[in-house]
């Protein structure tokens, strides 16, 4: 669990877009980097932290993503 992260549960698409308009960063797993949520983040200029390097094949989208090695000790220590 990450401090200051709140699960909002199921919310409407309108509320998602309202929240994303105020958001700077989000976390995305590498399994599905083109989920509807991720695409909405891109549309709202939200930077996406991901552990997938495959996204960088898409040159037009690479500026929207930031690669993070979630398994590194350095990353885990920063979350504490």
C-alpha atoms as a PDB file:
ATOM      1  CA  UNK A   1       0.000   0.000   0.000  1.00  0.00           C
ATOM      2  CA  UNK A   2       1.211   3.487  -0.837  1.00  0.00           C
ATOM      3  CA  UNK A   3       0.529   6.351   1.584  1.00  0.00           C
ATOM      4  CA  UNK A   4      -1.828   9.062   0.343  1.00  0.00           C
ATOM      5  CA  UNK A   5      -3.282   6.797  -2.372  1.00  0.00           C
ATOM      6  CA  UNK A   6      -7.038   6.483  -2.240  1.00  0.00           C
ATOM      7  CA  UNK A   7      -9.107   3.867  -4.083  1.00  0.00           C
ATOM      8  CA  UNK A   8     -12.251   5.609  -5.303  1.00  0.00           C
ATOM      9  CA  UNK A   9     -13.893   2.379  -6.431  1.00  0.00           C
ATOM     10  CA  UNK A  10     -16.257   2.507  -9.377  1.00  0.00           C
ATOM     11  CA  UNK A  11     -16.831   6.069 -10.591  1.00  0.00           C
ATOM     12  CA  UNK A  12     -18.372   7.596 -13.693  1.00  0.00           C
ATOM     13  CA  UNK A  13     -16.337   8.463 -16.774  1.00  0.00           C
ATOM     14  CA  UNK A  14     -17.207  12.125 -16.235  1.00  0.00           C
ATOM     15  CA  UNK A  15     -15.673  12.019 -12.744  1.00  0.00           C
ATOM     16  CA  UNK A  16     -12.605  10.175 -14.082  1.00  0.00           C
ATOM     17  CA  UNK A  17     -11.980  12.949 -16.600  1.00  0.00           C
ATOM     18  CA  UNK A  18     -12.533  15.626 -13.953  1.00  0.00           C
ATOM     19  CA  UNK A  19      -9.955  13.957 -11.683  1.00  0.00           C
ATOM     20  CA  UNK A  20      -7.513  13.423 -14.544  1.00  0.00           C
ATOM     21  CA  UNK A  21      -7.679  17.102 -15.470  1.00  0.00           C
ATOM     22  CA  UNK A  22      -6.159  17.829 -12.013  1.00  0.00           C
ATOM     23  CA  UNK A  23      -3.661  14.950 -12.080  1.00  0.00           C
ATOM     24  CA  UNK A  24       0.005  15.102 -13.042  1.00  0.00           C
ATOM     25  CA  UNK A  25       1.024  11.423 -12.765  1.00  0.00           C
ATOM     26  CA  UNK A  26      -0.577   7.986 -12.653  1.00  0.00           C
ATOM     27  CA  UNK A  27       0.659   4.404 -12.352  1.00  0.00           C
ATOM     28  CA  UNK A  28       0.031   1.790 -15.033  1.00  0.00           C
ATOM     29  CA  UNK A  29       1.084  -1.830 -15.033  1.00  0.00           C
ATOM     30  CA  UNK A  30       2.893  -3.218 -18.025  1.00  0.00           C
ATOM     31  CA  UNK A  31       0.212  -5.790 -18.850  1.00  0.00           C
ATOM     32  CA  UNK A  32      -2.055  -3.417 -20.723  1.00  0.00           C
ATOM     33  CA  UNK A  33      -0.497  -0.054 -21.498  1.00  0.00           C
ATOM     34  CA  UNK A  34      -3.338   0.750 -23.909  1.00  0.00           C
ATOM     35  CA  UNK A  35      -6.247   0.375 -21.509  1.00  0.00           C
ATOM     36  CA  UNK A  36      -9.116   2.838 -21.738  1.00  0.00           C
ATOM     37  CA  UNK A  37      -7.879   4.472 -18.535  1.00  0.00           C
ATOM     38  CA  UNK A  38      -4.383   4.926 -19.967  1.00  0.00           C
ATOM     39  CA  UNK A  39      -5.763   6.414 -23.174  1.00  0.00           C
ATOM     40  CA  UNK A  40      -7.835   8.873 -21.130  1.00  0.00           C
ATOM     41  CA  UNK A  41      -4.697   9.794 -19.188  1.00  0.00           C
ATOM     42  CA  UNK A  42      -2.920  10.544 -22.471  1.00  0.00           C
ATOM     43  CA  UNK A  43      -5.860  12.701 -23.589  1.00  0.00           C
ATOM     44  CA  UNK A  44      -5.632  14.653 -20.315  1.00  0.00           C
ATOM     45  CA  UNK A  45      -1.819  15.100 -20.546  1.00  0.00           C
ATOM     46  CA  UNK A  46      -1.144  12.923 -17.501  1.00  0.00           C
ATOM     47  CA  UNK A  47       2.341  11.372 -17.301  1.00  0.00           C
ATOM     48  CA  UNK A  48       2.111   7.604 -16.880  1.00  0.00           C
ATOM     49  CA  UNK A  49       4.571   5.651 -14.744  1.00  0.00           C
ATOM     50  CA  UNK A  50       4.948   2.144 -16.139  1.00  0.00           C
ATOM     51  CA  UNK A  51       7.252  -0.835 -15.846  1.00  0.00           C
ATOM     52  CA  UNK A  52       6.804  -1.748 -19.509  1.00  0.00           C
ATOM     53  CA  UNK A  53       9.568  -0.881 -21.937  1.00  0.00           C
ATOM     54  CA  UNK A  54       7.460  -1.961 -24.926  1.00  0.00           C
ATOM     55  CA  UNK A  55       5.607   1.371 -25.001  1.00  0.00           C
ATOM     56  CA  UNK A  56       8.733   3.118 -26.220  1.00  0.00           C
ATOM     57  CA  UNK A  57       8.304   1.463 -29.631  1.00  0.00           C
ATOM     58  CA  UNK A  58       5.539   3.998 -30.245  1.00  0.00           C
ATOM     59  CA  UNK A  59       7.470   7.208 -30.830  1.00  0.00           C
ATOM     60  CA  UNK A  60       4.439   9.490 -30.778  1.00  0.00           C
ATOM     61  CA  UNK A  61       3.461   8.299 -27.290  1.00  0.00           C
ATOM     62  CA  UNK A  62       6.826   7.926 -25.598  1.00  0.00           C
ATOM     63  CA  UNK A  63       6.683  11.419 -24.059  1.00  0.00           C
ATOM     64  CA  UNK A  64       3.545  10.419 -22.147  1.00  0.00           C
ATOM     65  CA  UNK A  65       5.282   7.537 -20.350  1.00  0.00           C
ATOM     66  CA  UNK A  66       7.998   7.330 -17.720  1.00  0.00           C
ATOM     67  CA  UNK A  67       9.704   3.954 -17.247  1.00  0.00           C
ATOM     68  CA  UNK A  68      10.062   2.891 -13.606  1.00  0.00           C
ATOM     69  CA  UNK A  69      11.589  -0.347 -12.348  1.00  0.00           C
ATOM     70  CA  UNK A  70       9.051  -1.140  -9.612  1.00  0.00           C
ATOM     71  CA  UNK A  71      11.203  -4.012  -8.315  1.00  0.00           C
ATOM     72  CA  UNK A  72      14.312  -1.953  -7.570  1.00  0.00           C
ATOM     73  CA  UNK A  73      15.258  -1.368  -3.943  1.00  0.00           C
ATOM     74  CA  UNK A  74      15.755   2.340  -4.666  1.00  0.00           C
ATOM     75  CA  UNK A  75      12.118   2.681  -5.791  1.00  0.00           C
ATOM     76  CA  UNK A  76      10.801   0.695  -2.805  1.00  0.00           C
ATOM     77  CA  UNK A  77      12.800   2.858  -0.373  1.00  0.00           C
ATOM     78  CA  UNK A  78      11.345   6.055  -1.864  1.00  0.00           C
ATOM     79  CA  UNK A  79       7.823   4.811  -1.121  1.00  0.00           C
ATOM     80  CA  UNK A  80       8.517   4.460   2.611  1.00  0.00           C
END
